[in-house]
Amino acid sequence: MAVAEQHRGAAFAGSTRADSVTTDRLQRGGIAVLRAVLFAVISLFFLIPFIWMIFGSLRRETEIFQYLYPLGWHTFFPIEWTLEHYADIFGLSPAGQRAGLNFGRNLMNSFIVSAGVVISSLVFNTMGAYFFARLKFPKKNWLLAFVLVTLFVPFEVTMVPLYIVVRYLNLQNTYWAMIVPWFASPFVIFALIQYFRDIPYELDEAALLDGASYLHILRTVIVPLAIPGLVTVSLLEFQFIWNLFYWPLIAVQSDQIQVLQVVISSQTTQEQTFWGRTFAGSALASVPVILIFLALQRYYVRGVASTGIKG
């Protein structure tokens, strides 16, 4: 009798554990499904304007806003597909040639400026971050605070003095006018400082004992270990410079070296807005940033993740 009751108790306990495991799995599965649905909704929320812009660049000008309401299939997908707007912005059509458009040249200008800023920024900001993160000297934190305070100064405050300096140096209407002012970035210095501080100081001490200079330590020890962080700030800096509009508009008046963002805005005039060209130019401007991010995303993820790991 006692043995039978023990068997029944064990069977009941086993059944209870099985039910508990099943309930936990169902809860986990439900949470996973809800999370996937939430991520899909958020992604769709951000992708809908981009998708509408892409298909808007592939339809006739008169059709772009014709089917906005009520919401339907043709709100997003064109009835009559066309590459007319892309032919216009590349200067391949009579209308584009009359308007003097050549977005291909402007796209290259944007890439030259962005790449120039990123390369120079990596050189100067990396040395600045190493200076603050790895070297010991009196009042270092005060000097760092002074650098970081410049982050809170609005660009509108420094815009006029900056233009006066650029004009005094005879840099206006050149690529240098769009590159030199962004050589140093307090944000990049601050971000790299956080990354450099996570690298063990014993590596510096060992290199110093071997007779290495600080510059040699930076080049052969710190930089190779900080590749993910450098790639992360490079991507952010590239996107920032790529999207610049106000400063290139002020510093450069020549269409030959003007960047893409300014030329896209020129498709809006007092008389008319060329929405098809604007959408086509915006789609074109999005491609390089997306491709570069996809190519370097593994370094970006490692750089972002490692900044939260201490010890």
Protein backbone atom coordinates (compact mmCIF):
# COMPACT_ATOMS: atom_id res chain seq x y z
CA MET A 1 0.00 0.00 0.00
CA ALA A 2 2.74 2.40 0.99
CA VAL A 3 4.72 1.45 -2.10
CA ALA A 4 1.71 2.14 -4.34
CA GLU A 5 1.19 5.53 -2.73
CA GLN A 6 4.88 6.34 -3.27
CA HIS A 7 4.56 5.42 -6.95
CA ARG A 8 1.44 7.57 -7.31
CA GLY A 9 3.22 10.47 -5.55
CA ALA A 10 6.25 10.13 -7.81
CA ALA A 11 4.01 9.97 -10.88
CA PHE A 12 2.11 13.06 -9.73
CA ALA A 13 5.38 14.95 -9.09
CA GLY A 14 6.68 13.93 -12.50
CA SER A 15 3.45 15.04 -14.16
CA THR A 16 3.64 18.37 -12.30
CA ARG A 17 7.23 18.94 -13.45
CA ALA A 18 6.29 18.06 -17.03
CA ASP A 19 3.38 20.49 -16.92
CA SER A 20 5.68 23.16 -15.47
CA VAL A 21 8.24 22.60 -18.22
CA THR A 22 5.52 22.74 -20.88
CA THR A 23 4.14 25.96 -19.39
CA ASP A 24 7.62 27.53 -19.33
CA ARG A 25 8.19 26.56 -22.97
CA LEU A 26 4.83 28.00 -23.98
CA GLN A 27 5.61 31.23 -22.12
CA ARG A 28 9.03 31.49 -23.73
CA GLY A 29 7.54 30.75 -27.13
CA GLY A 30 4.82 33.35 -26.62
CA ILE A 31 7.38 35.96 -25.54
CA ALA A 32 9.56 35.13 -28.56
CA VAL A 33 6.57 35.50 -30.90
CA LEU A 34 5.54 38.80 -29.33
CA ARG A 35 9.11 40.06 -29.58
CA ALA A 36 9.34 39.06 -33.24
CA VAL A 37 6.01 40.76 -34.01
CA LEU A 38 7.09 43.91 -32.15
CA PHE A 39 10.41 44.04 -34.03
CA ALA A 40 8.59 43.50 -37.33
CA VAL A 41 6.15 46.34 -36.61
CA ILE A 42 8.97 48.71 -35.61
CA SER A 43 11.00 47.75 -38.70
CA LEU A 44 7.99 48.25 -40.94
CA PHE A 45 7.30 51.61 -39.32
CA PHE A 46 10.79 52.83 -40.31
CA LEU A 47 10.88 51.09 -43.69
CA ILE A 48 7.53 52.32 -45.07
CA PRO A 49 8.72 55.91 -45.84
CA PHE A 50 11.91 54.55 -47.42
CA ILE A 51 9.98 52.06 -49.55
CA TRP A 52 7.52 54.76 -50.63
CA MET A 53 10.43 57.01 -51.61
CA ILE A 54 12.11 54.26 -53.66
CA PHE A 55 8.95 53.43 -55.62
CA GLY A 56 8.11 57.12 -55.87
CA SER A 57 11.34 57.63 -57.79
CA LEU A 58 10.18 54.97 -60.27
CA ARG A 59 6.81 56.52 -61.18
CA ARG A 60 5.63 59.50 -63.20
CA GLU A 61 5.70 62.91 -61.52
CA THR A 62 1.93 63.30 -61.75
CA GLU A 63 1.40 59.88 -60.17
CA ILE A 64 3.50 60.35 -57.02
CA PHE A 65 0.79 61.87 -54.82
CA GLN A 66 -2.21 60.74 -56.84
CA TYR A 67 -2.91 57.53 -54.90
CA LEU A 68 -1.95 58.52 -51.37
CA TYR A 69 -5.57 58.27 -50.16
CA PRO A 70 -7.27 55.94 -49.74
CA LEU A 71 -4.38 53.65 -48.82
CA GLY A 72 -4.05 50.89 -51.34
CA TRP A 73 -1.75 48.85 -53.53
CA HIS A 74 -0.94 51.78 -55.84
CA THR A 75 -0.01 53.98 -52.88
CA PHE A 76 3.35 52.24 -52.97
CA PHE A 77 3.63 50.52 -56.34
CA PRO A 78 3.57 52.54 -59.58
CA ILE A 79 1.03 52.00 -62.30
CA GLU A 80 3.51 53.15 -64.94
CA TRP A 81 7.13 52.34 -64.17
CA THR A 82 9.81 54.72 -65.41
CA LEU A 83 13.50 55.57 -64.99
CA GLU A 84 12.93 59.11 -66.20
CA HIS A 85 13.93 60.74 -62.90
CA TYR A 86 17.20 58.81 -62.71
CA ALA A 87 17.98 59.79 -66.29
CA ASP A 88 17.31 63.40 -65.32
CA ILE A 89 19.58 63.49 -62.25
CA PHE A 90 22.46 61.84 -64.11
CA GLY A 91 22.11 64.31 -66.98
CA LEU A 92 21.21 61.58 -69.48
CA SER A 93 17.94 63.15 -70.60
CA PRO A 94 17.29 66.47 -72.37
CA ALA A 95 15.53 67.81 -69.26
CA GLY A 96 18.47 66.87 -67.04
CA GLN A 97 20.97 68.39 -69.45
CA ARG A 98 18.99 71.65 -69.62
CA ALA A 99 19.00 71.80 -65.82
CA GLY A 100 22.75 71.09 -65.72
CA LEU A 101 22.30 68.05 -63.48
CA ASN A 102 25.03 65.52 -62.87
CA PHE A 103 24.35 63.73 -59.60
CA GLY A 104 27.10 61.23 -60.37
CA ARG A 105 29.70 63.97 -60.02
CA ASN A 106 28.04 65.28 -56.86
CA LEU A 107 27.95 61.76 -55.44
CA MET A 108 31.69 61.49 -55.97
CA ASN A 109 32.18 64.89 -54.33
CA SER A 110 30.29 63.71 -51.25
CA PHE A 111 32.41 60.57 -51.12
CA ILE A 112 35.67 62.53 -51.45
CA VAL A 113 34.69 64.91 -48.66
CA SER A 114 33.39 62.18 -46.34
CA ALA A 115 36.40 59.92 -46.90
CA GLY A 116 38.80 62.84 -46.44
CA VAL A 117 37.19 63.81 -43.15
CA VAL A 118 37.14 60.23 -41.86
CA ILE A 119 40.81 59.63 -42.70
CA SER A 120 41.99 62.90 -41.17
CA SER A 121 39.69 62.40 -38.19
CA LEU A 122 41.16 58.97 -37.51
CA VAL A 123 44.68 60.40 -37.49
CA PHE A 124 44.12 63.45 -35.29
CA ASN A 125 41.33 62.17 -33.04
CA THR A 126 43.09 58.86 -32.40
CA MET A 127 46.18 60.72 -31.19
CA GLY A 128 44.01 63.01 -29.07
CA ALA A 129 42.13 60.10 -27.51
CA TYR A 130 45.40 58.28 -26.78
CA PHE A 131 46.74 61.43 -25.16
CA PHE A 132 43.78 61.66 -22.77
CA ALA A 133 43.20 57.94 -22.19
CA ARG A 134 46.70 56.50 -21.74
CA LEU A 135 49.07 59.29 -20.68
CA LYS A 136 49.31 60.70 -17.16
CA PHE A 137 49.90 64.41 -16.61
CA PRO A 138 48.58 67.11 -14.25
CA LYS A 139 45.16 68.70 -14.88
CA LYS A 140 44.32 66.19 -17.61
CA ASN A 141 40.67 66.01 -16.61
CA TRP A 142 40.34 69.80 -16.73
CA LEU A 143 41.72 69.87 -20.26
CA LEU A 144 39.42 67.02 -21.28
CA ALA A 145 36.43 68.87 -19.81
CA PHE A 146 37.37 71.93 -21.88
CA VAL A 147 37.39 69.76 -25.03
CA LEU A 148 34.04 68.17 -24.21
CA VAL A 149 32.40 71.53 -23.50
CA THR A 150 32.77 72.35 -27.20
CA LEU A 151 30.24 69.58 -27.87
CA PHE A 152 27.54 71.81 -26.41
CA VAL A 153 28.35 74.84 -28.55
CA PRO A 154 25.75 75.10 -31.37
CA PHE A 155 27.10 75.18 -34.89
CA GLU A 156 25.17 78.40 -35.52
CA VAL A 157 27.44 80.12 -32.99
CA THR A 158 30.68 79.14 -34.72
CA MET A 159 29.41 79.22 -38.31
CA VAL A 160 30.30 82.85 -39.09
CA PRO A 161 33.76 82.82 -37.42
CA LEU A 162 34.50 79.51 -39.13
CA TYR A 163 33.58 80.92 -42.53
CA ILE A 164 35.77 84.00 -41.90
CA VAL A 165 38.72 81.72 -41.11
CA VAL A 166 38.09 79.60 -44.20
CA ARG A 167 37.88 82.69 -46.40
CA TYR A 168 41.02 84.19 -44.82
CA LEU A 169 42.88 80.96 -45.68
CA ASN A 170 41.53 81.14 -49.26
CA LEU A 171 39.86 77.76 -48.89
CA GLN A 172 36.34 78.73 -49.95
CA ASN A 173 35.02 76.95 -53.03
CA THR A 174 37.45 74.05 -52.50
CA TYR A 175 37.22 70.55 -51.09
CA TRP A 176 39.39 71.71 -48.19
CA ALA A 177 36.64 74.09 -47.05
CA MET A 178 34.45 71.05 -46.38
CA ILE A 179 37.21 68.86 -44.90
CA VAL A 180 39.51 70.99 -42.73
CA PRO A 181 36.87 72.28 -40.26
CA TRP A 182 36.03 68.69 -39.27
CA PHE A 183 39.58 67.44 -38.68
CA ALA A 184 39.03 67.31 -34.91
CA SER A 185 35.84 65.99 -33.33
CA PRO A 186 35.20 66.11 -29.55
CA PHE A 187 32.63 63.33 -29.92
CA VAL A 188 35.10 60.99 -31.65
CA ILE A 189 37.79 61.78 -29.08
CA PHE A 190 35.39 61.06 -26.22
CA ALA A 191 34.17 57.80 -27.79
CA LEU A 192 37.73 56.56 -28.43
CA ILE A 193 38.79 57.49 -24.90
CA GLN A 194 36.20 55.07 -23.52
CA TYR A 195 37.47 52.35 -25.83
CA PHE A 196 41.19 52.94 -25.19
CA ARG A 197 40.70 52.84 -21.41
CA ASP A 198 39.49 49.23 -21.63
CA ILE A 199 42.84 48.11 -23.09
CA PRO A 200 45.16 46.79 -20.32
CA TYR A 201 47.81 49.30 -19.28
CA GLU A 202 50.31 46.47 -18.80
CA LEU A 203 50.76 46.41 -22.58
CA ASP A 204 51.97 50.01 -22.55
CA GLU A 205 54.32 49.34 -19.65
CA ALA A 206 55.81 46.29 -21.36
CA ALA A 207 56.35 48.26 -24.58
CA LEU A 208 57.98 51.14 -22.67
CA LEU A 209 60.36 48.70 -20.99
CA ASP A 210 61.35 47.47 -24.45
CA GLY A 211 62.22 51.04 -25.41
CA ALA A 212 59.16 51.82 -27.56
CA SER A 213 58.04 55.42 -27.95
CA TYR A 214 54.48 56.55 -27.25
CA LEU A 215 53.81 56.95 -30.96
CA HIS A 216 55.14 53.45 -31.61
CA ILE A 217 52.90 52.06 -28.84
CA LEU A 218 49.89 53.82 -30.35
CA ARG A 219 50.64 52.48 -33.82
CA THR A 220 51.60 48.90 -32.99
CA VAL A 221 49.70 48.15 -29.76
CA ILE A 222 46.67 50.37 -29.28
CA VAL A 223 45.41 50.77 -32.85
CA PRO A 224 45.40 47.02 -33.72
CA LEU A 225 43.45 46.26 -30.54
CA ALA A 226 41.01 49.12 -31.14
CA ILE A 227 39.99 48.28 -34.71
CA PRO A 228 36.29 47.67 -33.84
CA GLY A 229 36.10 50.99 -31.98
CA LEU A 230 37.85 52.85 -34.80
CA VAL A 231 35.50 51.33 -37.37
CA THR A 232 32.49 52.28 -35.23
CA VAL A 233 33.45 55.96 -34.94
CA SER A 234 34.44 56.00 -38.62
CA LEU A 235 30.97 54.82 -39.64
CA LEU A 236 29.32 57.44 -37.43
CA GLU A 237 31.63 60.17 -38.70
CA PHE A 238 31.11 59.14 -42.33
CA GLN A 239 27.34 59.26 -41.94
CA PHE A 240 27.52 62.65 -40.21
CA ILE A 241 29.65 64.21 -42.93
CA TRP A 242 27.67 62.52 -45.71
CA ASN A 243 24.47 64.15 -44.46
CA LEU A 244 25.94 67.62 -43.99
CA PHE A 245 23.92 70.29 -45.73
CA TYR A 246 24.25 73.69 -44.09
CA TRP A 247 28.05 74.08 -44.09
CA PRO A 248 28.63 72.94 -47.73
CA LEU A 249 25.83 75.30 -48.79
CA ILE A 250 27.69 78.20 -47.16
CA ALA A 251 31.30 77.31 -47.94
CA VAL A 252 30.94 76.20 -51.57
CA GLN A 253 29.17 77.95 -54.43
CA SER A 254 30.58 75.95 -57.34
CA ASP A 255 28.34 73.21 -58.73
CA GLN A 256 31.44 71.30 -59.84
CA ILE A 257 32.51 70.43 -56.29
CA GLN A 258 29.17 70.73 -54.47
CA VAL A 259 28.00 67.71 -52.46
CA LEU A 260 24.94 65.63 -53.19
CA GLN A 261 22.72 66.78 -50.32
CA VAL A 262 22.85 70.42 -51.43
CA VAL A 263 22.13 69.54 -55.05
CA ILE A 264 19.14 67.45 -54.01
CA SER A 265 17.69 70.44 -52.17
CA SER A 266 18.09 72.55 -55.32
CA GLN A 267 15.27 70.53 -56.90
CA THR A 268 12.88 72.54 -54.73
CA THR A 269 12.39 76.05 -56.09
CA GLN A 270 9.92 78.85 -55.52
CA GLU A 271 7.97 77.82 -58.60
CA GLN A 272 8.11 74.04 -58.48
CA THR A 273 9.30 70.99 -56.56
CA PHE A 274 10.63 68.11 -58.66
CA TRP A 275 9.58 65.30 -56.35
CA GLY A 276 10.66 62.51 -58.67
CA ARG A 277 14.21 63.89 -58.92
CA THR A 278 14.27 64.52 -55.18
CA PHE A 279 13.24 60.93 -54.44
CA ALA A 280 15.71 59.55 -56.97
CA GLY A 281 18.54 61.66 -55.54
CA SER A 282 17.65 60.65 -51.97
CA ALA A 283 17.60 56.98 -52.95
CA LEU A 284 20.98 57.42 -54.63
CA ALA A 285 22.39 59.15 -51.54
CA SER A 286 21.27 56.27 -49.32
CA VAL A 287 23.07 53.53 -51.26
CA PRO A 288 26.73 54.21 -50.26
CA VAL A 289 25.94 54.54 -46.55
CA ILE A 290 23.92 51.32 -46.56
CA LEU A 291 26.59 49.38 -48.46
CA ILE A 292 29.41 50.59 -46.21
CA PHE A 293 27.44 49.74 -43.09
CA LEU A 294 26.61 46.24 -44.38
CA ALA A 295 30.26 45.64 -45.25
CA LEU A 296 31.54 46.76 -41.83
CA GLN A 297 28.62 45.88 -39.57
CA ARG A 298 30.47 43.07 -37.78
CA TYR A 299 33.11 45.55 -36.60
CA TYR A 300 30.38 48.01 -35.64
CA VAL A 301 28.56 45.43 -33.52
CA ARG A 302 31.80 44.34 -31.85
CA GLY A 303 32.75 47.95 -31.19
CA VAL A 304 29.41 48.83 -29.62
CA ALA A 305 29.27 45.62 -27.58
CA SER A 306 32.83 45.86 -26.27
CA THR A 307 32.33 49.38 -24.91
CA GLY A 308 29.98 47.90 -22.30
CA ILE A 309 32.42 45.18 -21.17
CA LYS A 310 34.71 46.09 -18.30
CA GLY A 311 37.66 44.16 -16.92
